[in-house]
Amino acid sequence: MEILGATLRVCVDDLETAIPFYEGLAGGTAQRFERGGVQVAAVGSFLLMSGPEPELEVLRRVAATIAVKDVDEAHRVLTEQGARIVAGPVATPVGRNLLAVHPDGSVFEYADQRG
């Protein structure tokens, strides 16, 4: 499985207030979208999320998003290594993802940019 990078997940109270700081920090412009009632802004290596507390509570359990070349391959390798796949692979606005619980209990999202 080829890991291409990682994105840090940050839950914020006010997305509009947080975005300028992270744009200045990362030196880029936020890409915004909404998913499941949660407002999201991707800025460099940060994924800012704001929305209803019940949804954010679930999102806080995911340590990071790991970018991979192919989610299907990630699924295979993770399963072989003893991880438990709890969701996916499913389509996202930019590709596909899955959620995996590692044997140590850590939860990670694995995402690709394939259609």
Protein backbone atom coordinates (compact mmCIF):
# COMPACT_ATOMS: atom_id res chain seq x y z
CA MET A 1 0.00 0.00 0.00
CA GLU A 2 1.45 3.34 -1.02
CA ILE A 3 0.86 6.11 1.55
CA LEU A 4 0.98 9.52 -0.11
CA GLY A 5 0.58 11.73 2.98
CA ALA A 6 -1.58 12.55 5.97
CA THR A 7 -4.10 15.25 6.83
CA LEU A 8 -4.67 16.42 10.38
CA ARG A 9 -8.31 16.70 11.41
CA VAL A 10 -9.22 19.81 13.43
CA CYS A 11 -12.70 20.43 14.85
CA VAL A 12 -13.39 24.17 15.25
CA ASP A 13 -16.29 26.14 16.69
CA ASP A 14 -16.31 28.76 13.92
CA LEU A 15 -15.02 27.73 10.52
CA GLU A 16 -15.07 31.29 9.13
CA THR A 17 -12.84 32.52 11.96
CA ALA A 18 -10.45 29.55 11.75
CA ILE A 19 -9.89 29.54 7.98
CA PRO A 20 -7.76 32.72 7.70
CA PHE A 21 -5.34 31.46 10.37
CA TYR A 22 -4.85 28.10 8.65
CA GLU A 23 -4.61 29.71 5.20
CA GLY A 24 -1.83 31.94 6.53
CA LEU A 25 -0.14 28.99 8.24
CA ALA A 26 -0.33 26.68 5.23
CA GLY A 27 0.16 29.38 2.59
CA GLY A 28 -2.86 28.32 0.56
CA THR A 29 -6.55 28.82 -0.04
CA ALA A 30 -9.18 26.66 1.66
CA GLN A 31 -11.21 24.26 -0.44
CA ARG A 32 -14.67 24.06 1.12
CA PHE A 33 -17.40 21.46 1.04
CA GLU A 34 -20.17 20.05 3.20
CA ARG A 35 -20.64 16.45 4.22
CA GLY A 36 -23.39 15.11 6.45
CA GLY A 37 -24.24 18.52 7.90
CA VAL A 38 -20.60 19.30 8.71
CA GLN A 39 -18.88 22.24 7.03
CA VAL A 40 -15.35 21.29 5.94
CA ALA A 41 -12.37 23.32 4.75
CA ALA A 42 -9.22 21.62 3.45
CA VAL A 43 -6.18 23.86 3.86
CA GLY A 44 -2.75 22.37 3.19
CA SER A 45 -2.32 19.44 5.59
CA PHE A 46 -5.30 20.49 7.72
CA LEU A 47 -8.94 19.42 7.45
CA LEU A 48 -11.05 21.90 9.44
CA MET A 49 -14.53 20.74 10.45
CA SER A 50 -17.41 22.59 12.08
CA GLY A 51 -20.98 21.53 12.67
CA PRO A 52 -23.43 19.92 15.05
CA GLU A 53 -21.78 18.44 18.13
CA PRO A 54 -23.12 14.87 17.63
CA GLU A 55 -21.44 14.70 14.20
CA LEU A 56 -18.21 16.28 15.47
CA GLU A 57 -18.09 13.82 18.37
CA VAL A 58 -17.85 10.97 15.85
CA LEU A 59 -15.28 12.82 13.70
CA ARG A 60 -13.03 13.49 16.71
CA ARG A 61 -12.47 9.75 17.09
CA VAL A 62 -10.61 9.66 13.76
CA ALA A 63 -6.93 10.48 14.40
CA ALA A 64 -6.03 11.52 10.84
CA THR A 65 -6.80 11.02 7.18
CA ILE A 66 -4.17 8.97 5.35
CA ALA A 67 -3.95 9.59 1.60
CA VAL A 68 -3.28 6.38 -0.30
CA LYS A 69 -2.93 5.55 -3.96
CA ASP A 70 -5.71 2.93 -3.89
CA VAL A 71 -8.32 2.38 -1.16
CA ASP A 72 -8.95 -1.19 -2.34
CA GLU A 73 -5.30 -2.04 -1.79
CA ALA A 74 -5.39 -0.28 1.59
CA HIS A 75 -8.43 -2.39 2.52
CA ARG A 76 -6.55 -5.57 1.65
CA VAL A 77 -3.35 -4.63 3.50
CA LEU A 78 -5.18 -3.31 6.57
CA THR A 79 -7.26 -6.48 6.83
CA GLU A 80 -4.18 -8.69 6.41
CA GLN A 81 -2.43 -6.75 9.18
CA GLY A 82 -5.32 -7.19 11.61
CA ALA A 83 -7.19 -3.89 11.26
CA ARG A 84 -10.99 -3.87 11.39
CA ILE A 85 -12.74 -1.98 8.57
CA VAL A 86 -15.75 -0.19 10.07
CA ALA A 87 -16.95 1.76 7.01
CA GLY A 88 -16.30 1.72 3.29
CA PRO A 89 -14.89 1.84 0.83
CA VAL A 90 -17.42 4.49 -0.18
CA ALA A 91 -17.43 7.33 -2.70
CA THR A 92 -16.43 10.84 -1.54
CA PRO A 93 -16.50 14.18 -3.36
CA VAL A 94 -12.91 13.55 -4.57
CA GLY A 95 -12.50 9.76 -4.63
CA ARG A 96 -13.16 6.98 -2.11
CA ASN A 97 -12.48 6.34 1.55
CA LEU A 98 -12.74 3.82 4.34
CA LEU A 99 -12.49 3.92 8.12
CA ALA A 100 -10.26 1.40 9.87
CA VAL A 101 -9.63 0.59 13.51
CA HIS A 102 -6.02 -0.50 14.00
CA PRO A 103 -5.26 -3.33 16.42
CA ASP A 104 -4.19 -0.73 19.03
CA GLY A 105 -7.63 0.91 18.86
CA SER A 106 -6.58 3.95 16.79
CA VAL A 107 -9.09 4.99 14.13
CA PHE A 108 -7.91 6.34 10.77
CA GLU A 109 -9.58 7.35 7.54
CA TYR A 110 -7.85 6.11 4.36
CA ALA A 111 -8.71 8.04 1.20
CA ASP A 112 -7.77 7.95 -2.46
CA GLN A 113 -8.58 10.22 -5.38
CA ARG A 114 -9.84 7.53 -7.70
CA GLY A 115 -13.34 7.61 -9.14
